[in-house]
Amino acid sequence: MRKILRSALGVFLAVELALLAWALDVYGGEGVAREFVYPVSLLVLADFFFFGAAVFLLWMVPDARARGRNPWPWAPFMVVSPTAALLVYLLVRPLKP
């Protein structure tokens, strides 16, 4: 079961990175950044970052500490891309505390 879960997480991460690469290829960095001048885009971005902060502070920090790991190197990744950071964390963390 754990092998299937890790495989699924790896697939989700690959899909997210592929979508990011596609968006950057089609629109470029400036084109993607231009979309964040609209209020709806800013709302989605704010929700995205607040969700990432909540997951980091309420789950990742206690989980990493329970496993004897330092959670704070994950903080910058959670700011840049919470979904990818969470998927990578789940892939590399030890399975048992």
Foldseek 3Di string as FASTA:
>chain_A
DVVVVLVVLVVVLVVVVVVVVVCCVVQNPVRVVVVCVDPVNVVVLVVQLVVLVCCLVVPVCVVQVVQVHHSVVLVVVSNVHSSNSVSVCSNPGDPHD
